[in-house]
């Protein structure tokens, strides 16, 4: 597994990335960064941990809408262009938790 150094809301993170997964990981990082910056820029919430939770909820909600709309929602594991399965999402969330730090804080 290789490592990627990325920036999310101006903070650097070193993330584990499967071989040949760079593009997908960078796309995910970009989506998270955009979601978090949008919440931050609205000006109502300042704490990074709360911004991260709200961004995660928004992204999960959007994903659940796409899964509900998709006729292949119960299909086999995600292939290129398809949405990830529940175990894949849980694994990604676990990896994000690990990347954000042992103490669970974004600051």
PDB file of N, CA and C in Angstrom:
ATOM      1  N   UNK A   1       0.860  -1.173   0.000  1.00  0.00           N
ATOM      2  CA  UNK A   1       0.000   0.000   0.000  1.00  0.00           C
ATOM      3  C   UNK A   1       0.901   1.229   0.000  1.00  0.00           C
ATOM      4  N   UNK A   2       0.612   2.162  -0.851  1.00  0.00           N
ATOM      5  CA  UNK A   2       1.401   3.379  -0.924  1.00  0.00           C
ATOM      6  C   UNK A   2       0.747   4.465  -0.083  1.00  0.00           C
ATOM      7  N   UNK A   3       1.446   5.548   0.115  1.00  0.00           N
ATOM      8  CA  UNK A   3       0.920   6.655   0.900  1.00  0.00           C
ATOM      9  C   UNK A   3       0.830   7.903   0.034  1.00  0.00           C
ATOM     10  N   UNK A   4      -0.223   8.666   0.272  1.00  0.00           N
ATOM     11  CA  UNK A   4      -0.425   9.938  -0.414  1.00  0.00           C
ATOM     12  C   UNK A   4      -0.490  11.043   0.634  1.00  0.00           C
ATOM     13  N   UNK A   5       0.202  12.130   0.374  1.00  0.00           N
ATOM     14  CA  UNK A   5       0.055  13.300   1.230  1.00  0.00           C
ATOM     15  C   UNK A   5      -0.956  14.217   0.567  1.00  0.00           C
ATOM     16  N   UNK A   6      -2.000  14.561   1.301  1.00  0.00           N
ATOM     17  CA  UNK A   6      -3.090  15.372   0.747  1.00  0.00           C
ATOM     18  C   UNK A   6      -3.379  16.535   1.687  1.00  0.00           C
ATOM     19  N   UNK A   7      -4.126  17.484   1.185  1.00  0.00           N
ATOM     20  CA  UNK A   7      -4.580  18.628   1.966  1.00  0.00           C
ATOM     21  C   UNK A   7      -6.103  18.596   2.020  1.00  0.00           C
ATOM     22  N   UNK A   8      -6.628  18.687   3.222  1.00  0.00           N
ATOM     23  CA  UNK A   8      -8.076  18.805   3.411  1.00  0.00           C
ATOM     24  C   UNK A   8      -8.299  20.009   4.306  1.00  0.00           C
ATOM     25  N   UNK A   9      -9.004  20.977   3.797  1.00  0.00           N
ATOM     26  CA  UNK A   9      -9.294  22.218   4.498  1.00  0.00           C
ATOM     27  C   UNK A   9      -8.016  22.845   5.055  1.00  0.00           C
ATOM     28  N   UNK A  10      -6.970  22.812   4.217  1.00  0.00           N
ATOM     29  CA  UNK A  10      -5.716  23.454   4.561  1.00  0.00           C
ATOM     30  C   UNK A  10      -4.796  22.674   5.485  1.00  0.00           C
ATOM     31  N   UNK A  11      -5.172  21.470   5.864  1.00  0.00           N
ATOM     32  CA  UNK A  11      -4.351  20.662   6.756  1.00  0.00           C
ATOM     33  C   UNK A  11      -3.854  19.429   6.007  1.00  0.00           C
ATOM     34  N   UNK A  12      -2.582  19.095   6.243  1.00  0.00           N
ATOM     35  CA  UNK A  12      -1.972  17.948   5.568  1.00  0.00           C
ATOM     36  C   UNK A  12      -2.323  16.647   6.268  1.00  0.00           C
ATOM     37  N   UNK A  13      -2.539  15.609   5.453  1.00  0.00           N
ATOM     38  CA  UNK A  13      -2.798  14.262   5.948  1.00  0.00           C
ATOM     39  C   UNK A  13      -1.989  13.289   5.098  1.00  0.00           C
ATOM     40  N   UNK A  14      -1.474  12.261   5.721  1.00  0.00           N
ATOM     41  CA  UNK A  14      -0.798  11.186   5.021  1.00  0.00           C
ATOM     42  C   UNK A  14      -1.740   9.994   5.036  1.00  0.00           C
ATOM     43  N   UNK A  15      -2.216   9.599   3.854  1.00  0.00           N
ATOM     44  CA  UNK A  15      -3.223   8.555   3.742  1.00  0.00           C
ATOM     45  C   UNK A  15      -2.654   7.316   3.063  1.00  0.00           C
ATOM     46  N   UNK A  16      -3.054   6.154   3.545  1.00  0.00           N
ATOM     47  CA  UNK A  16      -2.737   4.912   2.868  1.00  0.00           C
ATOM     48  C   UNK A  16      -3.625   4.777   1.650  1.00  0.00           C
ATOM     49  N   UNK A  17      -3.039   4.320   0.568  1.00  0.00           N
ATOM     50  CA  UNK A  17      -3.791   4.208  -0.686  1.00  0.00           C
ATOM     51  C   UNK A  17      -3.399   2.914  -1.389  1.00  0.00           C
ATOM     52  N   UNK A  18      -4.388   2.106  -1.794  1.00  0.00           N
ATOM     53  CA  UNK A  18      -4.056   0.887  -2.524  1.00  0.00           C
ATOM     54  C   UNK A  18      -3.385   1.218  -3.856  1.00  0.00           C
ATOM     55  N   UNK A  19      -2.557   0.304  -4.321  1.00  0.00           N
ATOM     56  CA  UNK A  19      -1.921   0.491  -5.626  1.00  0.00           C
ATOM     57  C   UNK A  19      -2.999   0.740  -6.678  1.00  0.00           C
ATOM     58  N   UNK A  20      -2.728   1.639  -7.576  1.00  0.00           N
ATOM     59  CA  UNK A  20      -3.642   2.015  -8.660  1.00  0.00           C
ATOM     60  C   UNK A  20      -4.925   2.662  -8.152  1.00  0.00           C
ATOM     61  N   UNK A  21      -4.951   3.102  -6.894  1.00  0.00           N
ATOM     62  CA  UNK A  21      -6.138   3.753  -6.348  1.00  0.00           C
ATOM     63  C   UNK A  21      -5.969   5.248  -6.191  1.00  0.00           C
ATOM     64  N   UNK A  22      -4.872   5.789  -6.724  1.00  0.00           N
ATOM     65  CA  UNK A  22      -4.567   7.213  -6.551  1.00  0.00           C
ATOM     66  C   UNK A  22      -5.705   8.116  -7.016  1.00  0.00           C
ATOM     67  N   UNK A  23      -6.183   7.874  -8.210  1.00  0.00           N
ATOM     68  CA  UNK A  23      -7.212   8.754  -8.785  1.00  0.00           C
ATOM     69  C   UNK A  23      -8.483   8.729  -7.944  1.00  0.00           C
ATOM     70  N   UNK A  24      -8.895   7.547  -7.530  1.00  0.00           N
ATOM     71  CA  UNK A  24     -10.117   7.440  -6.719  1.00  0.00           C
ATOM     72  C   UNK A  24      -9.927   8.095  -5.357  1.00  0.00           C
ATOM     73  N   UNK A  25      -8.741   7.892  -4.742  1.00  0.00           N
ATOM     74  CA  UNK A  25      -8.481   8.493  -3.439  1.00  0.00           C
ATOM     75  C   UNK A  25      -8.440  10.014  -3.551  1.00  0.00           C
ATOM     76  N   UNK A  26      -7.777  10.528  -4.580  1.00  0.00           N
ATOM     77  CA  UNK A  26      -7.711  11.974  -4.761  1.00  0.00           C
ATOM     78  C   UNK A  26      -9.088  12.561  -5.044  1.00  0.00           C
ATOM     79  N   UNK A  27      -9.925  11.822  -5.757  1.00  0.00           N
ATOM     80  CA  UNK A  27     -11.302  12.265  -5.984  1.00  0.00           C
ATOM     81  C   UNK A  27     -12.059  12.321  -4.662  1.00  0.00           C
ATOM     82  N   UNK A  28     -11.885  11.308  -3.818  1.00  0.00           N
ATOM     83  CA  UNK A  28     -12.545  11.295  -2.508  1.00  0.00           C
ATOM     84  C   UNK A  28     -12.050  12.448  -1.643  1.00  0.00           C
ATOM     85  N   UNK A  29     -10.752  12.682  -1.647  1.00  0.00           N
ATOM     86  CA  UNK A  29     -10.176  13.793  -0.878  1.00  0.00           C
ATOM     87  C   UNK A  29     -10.760  15.113  -1.363  1.00  0.00           C
ATOM     88  N   UNK A  30     -10.854  15.273  -2.669  1.00  0.00           N
ATOM     89  CA  UNK A  30     -11.413  16.502  -3.232  1.00  0.00           C
ATOM     90  C   UNK A  30     -12.863  16.701  -2.806  1.00  0.00           C
ATOM     91  N   UNK A  31     -13.640  15.629  -2.816  1.00  0.00           N
ATOM     92  CA  UNK A  31     -15.044  15.731  -2.406  1.00  0.00           C
ATOM     93  C   UNK A  31     -15.163  16.129  -0.926  1.00  0.00           C
ATOM     94  N   UNK A  32     -14.328  15.513  -0.085  1.00  0.00           N
ATOM     95  CA  UNK A  32     -14.350  15.831   1.343  1.00  0.00           C
ATOM     96  C   UNK A  32     -13.904  17.271   1.560  1.00  0.00           C
ATOM     97  N   UNK A  33     -12.845  17.686   0.874  1.00  0.00           N
ATOM     98  CA  UNK A  33     -12.340  19.052   1.019  1.00  0.00           C
ATOM     99  C   UNK A  33     -13.403  20.067   0.613  1.00  0.00           C
ATOM    100  N   UNK A  34     -14.040  19.835  -0.515  1.00  0.00           N
ATOM    101  CA  UNK A  34     -15.087  20.753  -0.985  1.00  0.00           C
ATOM    102  C   UNK A  34     -16.233  20.813   0.017  1.00  0.00           C
ATOM    103  N   UNK A  35     -16.666  19.654   0.499  1.00  0.00           N
ATOM    104  CA  UNK A  35     -17.785  19.617   1.449  1.00  0.00           C
ATOM    105  C   UNK A  35     -17.430  20.346   2.742  1.00  0.00           C
ATOM    106  N   UNK A  36     -16.222  20.121   3.253  1.00  0.00           N
ATOM    107  CA  UNK A  36     -15.819  20.763   4.509  1.00  0.00           C
ATOM    108  C   UNK A  36     -15.640  22.269   4.330  1.00  0.00           C
ATOM    109  N   UNK A  37     -15.025  22.683   3.231  1.00  0.00           N
ATOM    110  CA  UNK A  37     -14.822  24.112   2.987  1.00  0.00           C
ATOM    111  C   UNK A  37     -16.152  24.839   2.807  1.00  0.00           C
ATOM    112  N   UNK A  38     -17.094  24.183   2.170  1.00  0.00           N
ATOM    113  CA  UNK A  38     -18.424  24.787   1.979  1.00  0.00           C
ATOM    114  C   UNK A  38     -19.092  25.056   3.333  1.00  0.00           C
ATOM    115  N   UNK A  39     -19.002  24.100   4.243  1.00  0.00           N
ATOM    116  CA  UNK A  39     -19.588  24.272   5.581  1.00  0.00           C
ATOM    117  C   UNK A  39     -18.843  25.360   6.341  1.00  0.00           C
ATOM    118  N   UNK A  40     -17.503  25.317   6.290  1.00  0.00           N
ATOM    119  CA  UNK A  40     -16.696  26.330   6.971  1.00  0.00           C
ATOM    120  C   UNK A  40     -17.011  27.726   6.434  1.00  0.00           C
ATOM    121  N   UNK A  41     -17.099  27.854   5.110  1.00  0.00           N
ATOM    122  CA  UNK A  41     -17.318  29.151   4.484  1.00  0.00           C
ATOM    123  C   UNK A  41     -18.707  29.714   4.746  1.00  0.00           C
ATOM    124  N   UNK A  42     -19.649  28.850   5.122  1.00  0.00           N
ATOM    125  CA  UNK A  42     -20.986  29.340   5.490  1.00  0.00           C
ATOM    126  C   UNK A  42     -20.901  30.158   6.765  1.00  0.00           C
ATOM    127  N   UNK A  43     -19.832  29.946   7.550  1.00  0.00           N
ATOM    128  CA  UNK A  43     -19.552  30.795   8.694  1.00  0.00           C
ATOM    129  C   UNK A  43     -20.262  30.483   9.981  1.00  0.00           C
ATOM    130  N   UNK A  44     -21.106  29.486  10.023  1.00  0.00           N
ATOM    131  CA  UNK A  44     -21.869  29.208  11.232  1.00  0.00           C
ATOM    132  C   UNK A  44     -21.135  28.277  12.183  1.00  0.00           C
ATOM    133  N   UNK A  45     -20.233  27.450  11.645  1.00  0.00           N
ATOM    134  CA  UNK A  45     -19.539  26.453  12.458  1.00  0.00           C
ATOM    135  C   UNK A  45     -18.041  26.653  12.278  1.00  0.00           C
ATOM    136  N   UNK A  46     -17.321  26.696  13.393  1.00  0.00           N
ATOM    137  CA  UNK A  46     -15.877  26.927  13.352  1.00  0.00           C
ATOM    138  C   UNK A  46     -15.067  25.684  13.709  1.00  0.00           C
ATOM    139  N   UNK A  47     -15.585  24.802  14.538  1.00  0.00           N
ATOM    140  CA  UNK A  47     -14.832  23.635  15.014  1.00  0.00           C
ATOM    141  C   UNK A  47     -14.656  22.627  13.878  1.00  0.00           C
ATOM    142  N   UNK A  48     -13.387  22.251  13.623  1.00  0.00           N
ATOM    143  CA  UNK A  48     -13.085  21.336  12.526  1.00  0.00           C
ATOM    144  C   UNK A  48     -13.761  19.980  12.704  1.00  0.00           C
ATOM    145  N   UNK A  49     -13.859  19.506  13.938  1.00  0.00           N
ATOM    146  CA  UNK A  49     -14.479  18.194  14.147  1.00  0.00           C
ATOM    147  C   UNK A  49     -15.959  18.225  13.792  1.00  0.00           C
ATOM    148  N   UNK A  50     -16.638  19.299  14.128  1.00  0.00           N
ATOM    149  CA  UNK A  50     -18.060  19.414  13.781  1.00  0.00           C
ATOM    150  C   UNK A  50     -18.237  19.577  12.269  1.00  0.00           C
ATOM    151  N   UNK A  51     -17.344  20.340  11.655  1.00  0.00           N
ATOM    152  CA  UNK A  51     -17.387  20.497  10.201  1.00  0.00           C
ATOM    153  C   UNK A  51     -17.201  19.142   9.529  1.00  0.00           C
ATOM    154  N   UNK A  52     -16.256  18.346  10.040  1.00  0.00           N
ATOM    155  CA  UNK A  52     -15.989  17.022   9.456  1.00  0.00           C
ATOM    156  C   UNK A  52     -17.194  16.106   9.591  1.00  0.00           C
ATOM    157  N   UNK A  53     -17.831  16.122  10.758  1.00  0.00           N
ATOM    158  CA  UNK A  53     -19.007  15.269  10.967  1.00  0.00           C
ATOM    159  C   UNK A  53     -20.141  15.681  10.030  1.00  0.00           C
ATOM    160  N   UNK A  54     -20.392  16.975   9.919  1.00  0.00           N
ATOM    161  CA  UNK A  54     -21.462  17.439   9.028  1.00  0.00           C
ATOM    162  C   UNK A  54     -21.150  17.112   7.566  1.00  0.00           C
ATOM    163  N   UNK A  55     -19.900  17.282   7.170  1.00  0.00           N
ATOM    164  CA  UNK A  55     -19.523  16.943   5.794  1.00  0.00           C
ATOM    165  C   UNK A  55     -19.705  15.449   5.545  1.00  0.00           C
ATOM    166  N   UNK A  56     -19.298  14.613   6.507  1.00  0.00           N
ATOM    167  CA  UNK A  56     -19.462  13.159   6.363  1.00  0.00           C
ATOM    168  C   UNK A  56     -20.940  12.796   6.250  1.00  0.00           C
ATOM    169  N   UNK A  57     -21.769  13.414   7.070  1.00  0.00           N
ATOM    170  CA  UNK A  57     -23.207  13.141   7.002  1.00  0.00           C
ATOM    171  C   UNK A  57     -23.787  13.568   5.659  1.00  0.00           C
ATOM    172  N   UNK A  58     -23.397  14.738   5.184  1.00  0.00           N
ATOM    173  CA  UNK A  58     -23.889  15.213   3.883  1.00  0.00           C
ATOM    174  C   UNK A  58     -23.471  14.266   2.760  1.00  0.00           C
ATOM    175  N   UNK A  59     -22.203  13.850   2.767  1.00  0.00           N
ATOM    176  CA  UNK A  59     -21.719  12.941   1.722  1.00  0.00           C
ATOM    177  C   UNK A  59     -22.394  11.573   1.810  1.00  0.00           C
ATOM    178  N   UNK A  60     -22.575  11.069   3.032  1.00  0.00           N
ATOM    179  CA  UNK A  60     -23.256   9.780   3.202  1.00  0.00           C
ATOM    180  C   UNK A  60     -24.703   9.865   2.737  1.00  0.00           C
ATOM    181  N   UNK A  61     -25.366  10.977   3.027  1.00  0.00           N
ATOM    182  CA  UNK A  61     -26.747  11.160   2.597  1.00  0.00           C
ATOM    183  C   UNK A  61     -26.826  11.195   1.072  1.00  0.00           C
ATOM    184  N   UNK A  62     -25.909  11.944   0.437  1.00  0.00           N
ATOM    185  CA  UNK A  62     -25.887  11.994  -1.021  1.00  0.00           C
ATOM    186  C   UNK A  62     -25.651  10.603  -1.606  1.00  0.00           C
ATOM    187  N   UNK A  63     -24.740   9.853  -0.995  1.00  0.00           N
ATOM    188  CA  UNK A  63     -24.447   8.502  -1.468  1.00  0.00           C
ATOM    189  C   UNK A  63     -25.664   7.595  -1.313  1.00  0.00           C
ATOM    190  N   UNK A  64     -26.357   7.712  -0.179  1.00  0.00           N
ATOM    191  CA  UNK A  64     -27.531   6.858   0.029  1.00  0.00           C
ATOM    192  C   UNK A  64     -28.630   7.188  -0.976  1.00  0.00           C
ATOM    193  N   UNK A  65     -28.741   8.456  -1.360  1.00  0.00           N
ATOM    194  CA  UNK A  65     -29.718   8.822  -2.385  1.00  0.00           C
ATOM    195  C   UNK A  65     -29.361   8.167  -3.720  1.00  0.00           C
ATOM    196  N   UNK A  66     -28.062   8.171  -4.065  1.00  0.00           N
ATOM    197  CA  UNK A  66     -27.632   7.562  -5.319  1.00  0.00           C
ATOM    198  C   UNK A  66     -27.848   6.055  -5.295  1.00  0.00           C
ATOM    199  N   UNK A  67     -27.586   5.422  -4.155  1.00  0.00           N
ATOM    200  CA  UNK A  67     -27.782   3.975  -4.029  1.00  0.00           C
ATOM    201  C   UNK A  67     -29.257   3.641  -4.164  1.00  0.00           C
ATOM    202  N   UNK A  68     -30.117   4.445  -3.551  1.00  0.00           N
ATOM    203  CA  UNK A  68     -31.561   4.224  -3.628  1.00  0.00           C
ATOM    204  C   UNK A  68     -32.060   4.380  -5.054  1.00  0.00           C
ATOM    205  N   UNK A  69     -31.505   5.348  -5.776  1.00  0.00           N
ATOM    206  CA  UNK A  69     -31.915   5.591  -7.157  1.00  0.00           C
ATOM    207  C   UNK A  69     -31.363   4.557  -8.124  1.00  0.00           C
ATOM    208  N   UNK A  70     -30.264   3.902  -7.751  1.00  0.00           N
ATOM    209  CA  UNK A  70     -29.567   2.988  -8.655  1.00  0.00           C
ATOM    210  C   UNK A  70     -30.255   1.627  -8.707  1.00  0.00           C
ATOM    211  N   UNK A  71     -30.552   1.120  -9.906  1.00  0.00           N
ATOM    212  CA  UNK A  71     -31.158  -0.209 -10.005  1.00  0.00           C
ATOM    213  C   UNK A  71     -30.177  -1.332  -9.678  1.00  0.00           C
ATOM    214  N   UNK A  72     -28.885  -1.030  -9.611  1.00  0.00           N
ATOM    215  CA  UNK A  72     -27.880  -2.042  -9.298  1.00  0.00           C
ATOM    216  C   UNK A  72     -27.369  -1.888  -7.869  1.00  0.00           C
ATOM    217  N   UNK A  73     -28.157  -1.300  -7.003  1.00  0.00           N
ATOM    218  CA  UNK A  73     -27.724  -1.039  -5.628  1.00  0.00           C
ATOM    219  C   UNK A  73     -27.367  -2.309  -4.882  1.00  0.00           C
ATOM    220  N   UNK A  74     -27.990  -3.436  -5.211  1.00  0.00           N
ATOM    221  CA  UNK A  74     -27.714  -4.684  -4.510  1.00  0.00           C
ATOM    222  C   UNK A  74     -26.776  -5.589  -5.309  1.00  0.00           C
ATOM    223  N   UNK A  75     -26.115  -5.019  -6.305  1.00  0.00           N
ATOM    224  CA  UNK A  75     -25.222  -5.810  -7.153  1.00  0.00           C
ATOM    225  C   UNK A  75     -23.945  -6.183  -6.413  1.00  0.00           C
ATOM    226  N   UNK A  76     -23.110  -6.972  -7.070  1.00  0.00           N
ATOM    227  CA  UNK A  76     -21.822  -7.417  -6.515  1.00  0.00           C
ATOM    228  C   UNK A  76     -20.931  -6.214  -6.235  1.00  0.00           C
ATOM    229  N   UNK A  77     -19.756  -6.441  -5.634  1.00  0.00           N
ATOM    230  CA  UNK A  77     -18.853  -5.334  -5.281  1.00  0.00           C
ATOM    231  C   UNK A  77     -18.665  -4.353  -6.415  1.00  0.00           C
ATOM    232  N   UNK A  78     -18.407  -3.123  -6.012  1.00  0.00           N
ATOM    233  CA  UNK A  78     -18.338  -2.028  -6.973  1.00  0.00           C
ATOM    234  C   UNK A  78     -17.245  -2.232  -8.009  1.00  0.00           C
ATOM    235  N   UNK A  79     -17.640  -2.052  -9.238  1.00  0.00           N
ATOM    236  CA  UNK A  79     -16.676  -2.045 -10.330  1.00  0.00           C
ATOM    237  C   UNK A  79     -16.434  -0.583 -10.685  1.00  0.00           C
ATOM    238  N   UNK A  80     -15.607  -0.349 -11.639  1.00  0.00           N
ATOM    239  CA  UNK A  80     -15.318   1.030 -12.032  1.00  0.00           C
ATOM    240  C   UNK A  80     -16.604   1.738 -12.410  1.00  0.00           C
ATOM    241  N   UNK A  81     -16.803   2.910 -11.832  1.00  0.00           N
ATOM    242  CA  UNK A  81     -17.979   3.693 -12.148  1.00  0.00           C
ATOM    243  C   UNK A  81     -19.194   3.394 -11.289  1.00  0.00           C
ATOM    244  N   UNK A  82     -19.155   2.354 -10.463  1.00  0.00           N
ATOM    245  CA  UNK A  82     -20.280   2.031  -9.599  1.00  0.00           C
ATOM    246  C   UNK A  82     -19.993   2.507  -8.190  1.00  0.00           C
ATOM    247  N   UNK A  83     -21.023   2.632  -7.395  1.00  0.00           N
ATOM    248  CA  UNK A  83     -20.871   3.068  -6.016  1.00  0.00           C
ATOM    249  C   UNK A  83     -20.342   1.932  -5.143  1.00  0.00           C
ATOM    250  N   UNK A  84     -19.561   2.271  -4.107  1.00  0.00           N
ATOM    251  CA  UNK A  84     -19.022   1.230  -3.223  1.00  0.00           C
ATOM    252  C   UNK A  84     -20.108   0.569  -2.391  1.00  0.00           C
ATOM    253  N   UNK A  85     -19.844  -0.670  -1.984  1.00  0.00           N
ATOM    254  CA  UNK A  85     -20.782  -1.405  -1.146  1.00  0.00           C
ATOM    255  C   UNK A  85     -20.645  -0.962   0.305  1.00  0.00           C
ATOM    256  N   UNK A  86     -21.572  -1.392   1.154  1.00  0.00           N
ATOM    257  CA  UNK A  86     -21.540  -1.032   2.565  1.00  0.00           C
ATOM    258  C   UNK A  86     -20.227  -1.438   3.237  1.00  0.00           C
ATOM    259  N   UNK A  87     -19.724  -2.668   3.043  1.00  0.00           N
ATOM    260  CA  UNK A  87     -18.440  -3.020   3.663  1.00  0.00           C
ATOM    261  C   UNK A  87     -17.294  -2.133   3.171  1.00  0.00           C
ATOM    262  N   UNK A  88     -17.339  -1.750   1.889  1.00  0.00           N
ATOM    263  CA  UNK A  88     -16.296  -0.868   1.371  1.00  0.00           C
ATOM    264  C   UNK A  88     -16.386   0.500   2.018  1.00  0.00           C
ATOM    265  N   UNK A  89     -17.596   1.002   2.213  1.00  0.00           N
ATOM    266  CA  UNK A  89     -17.769   2.298   2.876  1.00  0.00           C
ATOM    267  C   UNK A  89     -17.283   2.238   4.316  1.00  0.00           C
ATOM    268  N   UNK A  90     -17.607   1.156   5.010  1.00  0.00           N
ATOM    269  CA  UNK A  90     -17.159   1.012   6.396  1.00  0.00           C
ATOM    270  C   UNK A  90     -15.645   0.930   6.465  1.00  0.00           C
ATOM    271  N   UNK A  91     -15.019   0.244   5.531  1.00  0.00           N
ATOM    272  CA  UNK A  91     -13.556   0.155   5.503  1.00  0.00           C
ATOM    273  C   UNK A  91     -12.945   1.529   5.234  1.00  0.00           C
ATOM    274  N   UNK A  92     -13.554   2.295   4.331  1.00  0.00           N
ATOM    275  CA  UNK A  92     -13.065   3.632   4.035  1.00  0.00           C
ATOM    276  C   UNK A  92     -13.208   4.539   5.247  1.00  0.00           C
ATOM    277  N   UNK A  93     -14.343   4.472   5.925  1.00  0.00           N
ATOM    278  CA  UNK A  93     -14.529   5.275   7.134  1.00  0.00           C
ATOM    279  C   UNK A  93     -13.505   4.907   8.200  1.00  0.00           C
ATOM    280  N   UNK A  94     -13.210   3.615   8.329  1.00  0.00           N
ATOM    281  CA  UNK A  94     -12.203   3.174   9.292  1.00  0.00           C
ATOM    282  C   UNK A  94     -10.831   3.755   8.924  1.00  0.00           C
ATOM    283  N   UNK A  95     -10.492   3.723   7.636  1.00  0.00           N
ATOM    284  CA  UNK A  95      -9.210   4.271   7.189  1.00  0.00           C
ATOM    285  C   UNK A  95      -9.146   5.779   7.401  1.00  0.00           C
ATOM    286  N   UNK A  96     -10.262   6.472   7.179  1.00  0.00           N
ATOM    287  CA  UNK A  96     -10.293   7.912   7.415  1.00  0.00           C
ATOM    288  C   UNK A  96     -10.118   8.225   8.897  1.00  0.00           C
ATOM    289  N   UNK A  97     -10.782   7.459   9.758  1.00  0.00           N
ATOM    290  CA  UNK A  97     -10.612   7.640  11.196  1.00  0.00           C
ATOM    291  C   UNK A  97      -9.150   7.472  11.590  1.00  0.00           C
ATOM    292  N   UNK A  98      -8.511   6.465  11.048  1.00  0.00           N
ATOM    293  CA  UNK A  98      -7.101   6.211  11.362  1.00  0.00           C
ATOM    294  C   UNK A  98      -6.231   7.350  10.851  1.00  0.00           C
ATOM    295  N   UNK A  99      -6.547   7.864   9.662  1.00  0.00           N
ATOM    296  CA  UNK A  99      -5.747   8.938   9.079  1.00  0.00           C
ATOM    297  C   UNK A  99      -5.906  10.247   9.833  1.00  0.00           C
ATOM    298  N   UNK A 100      -7.067  10.455  10.434  1.00  0.00           N
ATOM    299  CA  UNK A 100      -7.320  11.699  11.146  1.00  0.00           C
ATOM    300  C   UNK A 100      -6.626  11.747  12.505  1.00  0.00           C
ATOM    301  N   UNK A 101      -6.155  10.643  12.969  1.00  0.00           N
ATOM    302  CA  UNK A 101      -5.362  10.662  14.195  1.00  0.00           C
ATOM    303  C   UNK A 101      -5.908   9.762  15.266  1.00  0.00           C
ATOM    304  N   UNK A 102      -5.006   9.361  16.118  1.00  0.00           N
ATOM    305  CA  UNK A 102      -5.319   8.445  17.205  1.00  0.00           C
ATOM    306  C   UNK A 102      -6.324   9.061  18.167  1.00  0.00           C
ATOM    307  N   UNK A 103      -6.193  10.372  18.433  1.00  0.00           N
ATOM    308  CA  UNK A 103      -7.060  10.997  19.425  1.00  0.00           C
ATOM    309  C   UNK A 103      -8.451  11.342  18.880  1.00  0.00           C
ATOM    310  N   UNK A 104      -8.664  11.134  17.584  1.00  0.00           N
ATOM    311  CA  UNK A 104      -9.967  11.395  16.987  1.00  0.00           C
ATOM    312  C   UNK A 104     -10.252  12.863  16.763  1.00  0.00           C
ATOM    313  N   UNK A 105      -9.262  13.701  16.929  1.00  0.00           N
ATOM    314  CA  UNK A 105      -9.441  15.149  16.765  1.00  0.00           C
ATOM    315  C   UNK A 105      -8.869  15.600  15.435  1.00  0.00           C
ATOM    316  N   UNK A 106      -9.497  16.560  14.830  1.00  0.00           N
ATOM    317  CA  UNK A 106      -9.006  17.122  13.579  1.00  0.00           C
ATOM    318  C   UNK A 106      -8.052  18.280  13.819  1.00  0.00           C
ATOM    319  N   UNK A 107      -8.059  18.828  14.994  1.00  0.00           N
ATOM    320  CA  UNK A 107      -7.211  19.977  15.278  1.00  0.00           C
ATOM    321  C   UNK A 107      -5.839  19.571  15.706  1.00  0.00           C
TER     322      UNK A 107
END
